Amino acid sequence: MRKEAGPLVPLHYFGFGYAALVATGGIIGYVKAGSVPSLAAGLLFGSLAGLGAYQLSQDPRNVWVFLVTSGTLAGIMGMRFYRSGKFMPAGLIAGASLLMVAKVGFTMLDRPRS
């Protein structure tokens, strides 16, 4: 019986990188513009994405915190990008969030049913 090969890079690695990107974006927004809401949102959503990535590392089927966090950010930042037309930071975060939603979705569809 042949053993199924797992993904080349586990999903939670991407999740931790995404969480760091979101948190760093909030910190940069605070440093550059003095925006406390940017800092708070970046740290909140970065922490939630980090929690979701941690849950993925423990059980690859436990995707919901990560999926809701990245989906919410994709929607919020996508609207900000649409309204402003500025890639930084809204477009970057919206794009990264959309990629994470797609990655989780494809991973969910690809795994065997138990």
C-alpha atoms as a PDB file:
ATOM      1  CA  MET A   1       0.000   0.000   0.000  1.00  0.00           C
ATOM      2  CA  ARG A   2       1.409   3.374  -1.050  1.00  0.00           C
ATOM      3  CA  LYS A   3       1.538   6.121   1.559  1.00  0.00           C
ATOM      4  CA  GLU A   4      -0.064   9.425   0.482  1.00  0.00           C
ATOM      5  CA  ALA A   5       2.480  12.202   0.163  1.00  0.00           C
ATOM      6  CA  GLY A   6       1.532  15.288   2.130  1.00  0.00           C
ATOM      7  CA  PRO A   7       1.829  18.816   0.820  1.00  0.00           C
ATOM      8  CA  LEU A   8       5.330  20.119   0.117  1.00  0.00           C
ATOM      9  CA  VAL A   9       4.835  22.888   2.675  1.00  0.00           C
ATOM     10  CA  PRO A  10       2.229  22.363   5.404  1.00  0.00           C
ATOM     11  CA  LEU A  11      -0.616  24.866   5.363  1.00  0.00           C
ATOM     12  CA  HIS A  12       0.106  26.149   8.863  1.00  0.00           C
ATOM     13  CA  TYR A  13       3.527  27.452   7.767  1.00  0.00           C
ATOM     14  CA  PHE A  14       1.779  29.758   5.324  1.00  0.00           C
ATOM     15  CA  GLY A  15      -0.649  30.619   8.112  1.00  0.00           C
ATOM     16  CA  PHE A  16       2.075  31.737  10.502  1.00  0.00           C
ATOM     17  CA  GLY A  17       3.659  33.865   7.769  1.00  0.00           C
ATOM     18  CA  TYR A  18       0.285  35.413   6.980  1.00  0.00           C
ATOM     19  CA  ALA A  19      -0.325  36.146  10.681  1.00  0.00           C
ATOM     20  CA  ALA A  20       3.064  37.856  10.921  1.00  0.00           C
ATOM     21  CA  LEU A  21       2.296  39.926   7.793  1.00  0.00           C
ATOM     22  CA  VAL A  22      -1.019  41.129   9.220  1.00  0.00           C
ATOM     23  CA  ALA A  23       0.419  42.000  12.644  1.00  0.00           C
ATOM     24  CA  THR A  24       3.418  43.732  11.080  1.00  0.00           C
ATOM     25  CA  GLY A  25       1.088  45.761   8.865  1.00  0.00           C
ATOM     26  CA  GLY A  26      -0.746  47.036  11.924  1.00  0.00           C
ATOM     27  CA  ILE A  27       2.506  47.987  13.626  1.00  0.00           C
ATOM     28  CA  ILE A  28       3.781  49.784  10.515  1.00  0.00           C
ATOM     29  CA  GLY A  29       0.479  51.664  10.232  1.00  0.00           C
ATOM     30  CA  TYR A  30       0.902  52.851  13.800  1.00  0.00           C
ATOM     31  CA  VAL A  31       4.547  53.850  13.363  1.00  0.00           C
ATOM     32  CA  LYS A  32       4.031  55.686  10.060  1.00  0.00           C
ATOM     33  CA  ALA A  33       0.666  57.357  10.665  1.00  0.00           C
ATOM     34  CA  GLY A  34       0.131  57.096  14.417  1.00  0.00           C
ATOM     35  CA  SER A  35      -3.014  55.063  13.721  1.00  0.00           C
ATOM     36  CA  VAL A  36      -4.125  53.309  16.899  1.00  0.00           C
ATOM     37  CA  PRO A  37      -7.040  51.565  15.096  1.00  0.00           C
ATOM     38  CA  SER A  38      -4.549  50.156  12.579  1.00  0.00           C
ATOM     39  CA  LEU A  39      -2.375  48.854  15.408  1.00  0.00           C
ATOM     40  CA  ALA A  40      -5.330  47.331  17.250  1.00  0.00           C
ATOM     41  CA  ALA A  41      -6.819  45.716  14.133  1.00  0.00           C
ATOM     42  CA  GLY A  42      -3.447  44.423  12.952  1.00  0.00           C
ATOM     43  CA  LEU A  43      -2.635  42.859  16.297  1.00  0.00           C
ATOM     44  CA  LEU A  44      -6.158  41.448  16.746  1.00  0.00           C
ATOM     45  CA  PHE A  45      -6.402  39.895  13.288  1.00  0.00           C
ATOM     46  CA  GLY A  46      -2.743  38.833  13.343  1.00  0.00           C
ATOM     47  CA  SER A  47      -3.324  37.071  16.674  1.00  0.00           C
ATOM     48  CA  LEU A  48      -6.472  35.365  15.389  1.00  0.00           C
ATOM     49  CA  ALA A  49      -4.637  34.230  12.246  1.00  0.00           C
ATOM     50  CA  GLY A  50      -1.794  32.955  14.436  1.00  0.00           C
ATOM     51  CA  LEU A  51      -4.282  31.052  16.599  1.00  0.00           C
ATOM     52  CA  GLY A  52      -5.858  29.590  13.484  1.00  0.00           C
ATOM     53  CA  ALA A  53      -2.445  28.569  12.134  1.00  0.00           C
ATOM     54  CA  TYR A  54      -1.609  26.943  15.471  1.00  0.00           C
ATOM     55  CA  GLN A  55      -4.898  25.026  15.373  1.00  0.00           C
ATOM     56  CA  LEU A  56      -4.043  23.889  11.828  1.00  0.00           C
ATOM     57  CA  SER A  57      -0.674  22.642  13.053  1.00  0.00           C
ATOM     58  CA  GLN A  58      -2.409  20.525  15.692  1.00  0.00           C
ATOM     59  CA  ASP A  59      -5.249  19.231  13.490  1.00  0.00           C
ATOM     60  CA  PRO A  60      -5.315  20.012   9.755  1.00  0.00           C
ATOM     61  CA  ARG A  61      -9.112  19.678   9.762  1.00  0.00           C
ATOM     62  CA  ASN A  62      -9.520  22.546  12.253  1.00  0.00           C
ATOM     63  CA  VAL A  63      -9.637  25.360   9.687  1.00  0.00           C
ATOM     64  CA  TRP A  64     -12.519  27.536  10.881  1.00  0.00           C
ATOM     65  CA  VAL A  65     -10.771  30.235  12.961  1.00  0.00           C
ATOM     66  CA  PHE A  66      -8.194  30.711  10.219  1.00  0.00           C
ATOM     67  CA  LEU A  67     -10.766  30.654   7.428  1.00  0.00           C
ATOM     68  CA  VAL A  68     -13.094  33.164   9.120  1.00  0.00           C
ATOM     69  CA  THR A  69     -10.187  35.483   9.994  1.00  0.00           C
ATOM     70  CA  SER A  70      -8.690  35.514   6.502  1.00  0.00           C
ATOM     71  CA  GLY A  71     -12.131  35.720   4.871  1.00  0.00           C
ATOM     72  CA  THR A  72     -13.119  38.681   7.029  1.00  0.00           C
ATOM     73  CA  LEU A  73      -9.872  40.484   6.249  1.00  0.00           C
ATOM     74  CA  ALA A  74     -10.261  39.736   2.535  1.00  0.00           C
ATOM     75  CA  GLY A  75     -13.683  41.394   2.608  1.00  0.00           C
ATOM     76  CA  ILE A  76     -12.764  44.419   4.726  1.00  0.00           C
ATOM     77  CA  MET A  77      -9.466  45.175   3.045  1.00  0.00           C
ATOM     78  CA  GLY A  78     -10.875  44.352  -0.383  1.00  0.00           C
ATOM     79  CA  MET A  79     -13.515  47.063   0.084  1.00  0.00           C
ATOM     80  CA  ARG A  80     -10.863  49.520   1.307  1.00  0.00           C
ATOM     81  CA  PHE A  81      -8.731  48.736  -1.746  1.00  0.00           C
ATOM     82  CA  TYR A  82     -11.740  49.129  -4.065  1.00  0.00           C
ATOM     83  CA  ARG A  83     -12.596  52.521  -2.580  1.00  0.00           C
ATOM     84  CA  SER A  84      -9.064  53.927  -2.374  1.00  0.00           C
ATOM     85  CA  GLY A  85      -7.341  52.190  -5.276  1.00  0.00           C
ATOM     86  CA  LYS A  86      -4.163  52.118  -3.178  1.00  0.00           C
ATOM     87  CA  PHE A  87      -2.285  48.835  -3.139  1.00  0.00           C
ATOM     88  CA  MET A  88      -0.556  49.554   0.172  1.00  0.00           C
ATOM     89  CA  PRO A  89      -1.714  48.382   2.624  1.00  0.00           C
ATOM     90  CA  ALA A  90      -5.284  47.457   1.689  1.00  0.00           C
ATOM     91  CA  GLY A  91      -4.530  45.744  -1.617  1.00  0.00           C
ATOM     92  CA  LEU A  92      -1.645  43.737  -0.206  1.00  0.00           C
ATOM     93  CA  ILE A  93      -3.617  42.428   2.770  1.00  0.00           C
ATOM     94  CA  ALA A  94      -6.727  41.806   0.642  1.00  0.00           C
ATOM     95  CA  GLY A  95      -4.668  39.827  -1.864  1.00  0.00           C
ATOM     96  CA  ALA A  96      -2.832  37.838   0.798  1.00  0.00           C
ATOM     97  CA  SER A  97      -6.124  37.125   2.583  1.00  0.00           C
ATOM     98  CA  LEU A  98      -7.794  35.996  -0.627  1.00  0.00           C
ATOM     99  CA  LEU A  99      -4.853  33.700  -1.362  1.00  0.00           C
ATOM    100  CA  MET A 100      -5.121  32.196   2.127  1.00  0.00           C
ATOM    101  CA  VAL A 101      -8.880  31.608   1.731  1.00  0.00           C
ATOM    102  CA  ALA A 102      -8.205  29.907  -1.617  1.00  0.00           C
ATOM    103  CA  LYS A 103      -5.339  27.833  -0.174  1.00  0.00           C
ATOM    104  CA  VAL A 104      -7.479  26.615   2.738  1.00  0.00           C
ATOM    105  CA  GLY A 105     -10.403  25.942   0.414  1.00  0.00           C
ATOM    106  CA  PHE A 106      -8.340  23.905  -2.050  1.00  0.00           C
ATOM    107  CA  THR A 107      -6.701  22.027   0.816  1.00  0.00           C
ATOM    108  CA  MET A 108     -10.133  21.169   2.230  1.00  0.00           C
ATOM    109  CA  LEU A 109     -11.384  19.963  -1.153  1.00  0.00           C
ATOM    110  CA  ASP A 110      -8.231  17.928  -1.820  1.00  0.00           C
ATOM    111  CA  ARG A 111      -8.090  15.946   1.406  1.00  0.00           C
ATOM    112  CA  PRO A 112      -9.646  12.501   1.617  1.00  0.00           C
ATOM    113  CA  ARG A 113     -13.027  12.145   3.256  1.00  0.00           C
ATOM    114  CA  SER A 114     -13.065  10.158   6.489  1.00  0.00           C
END
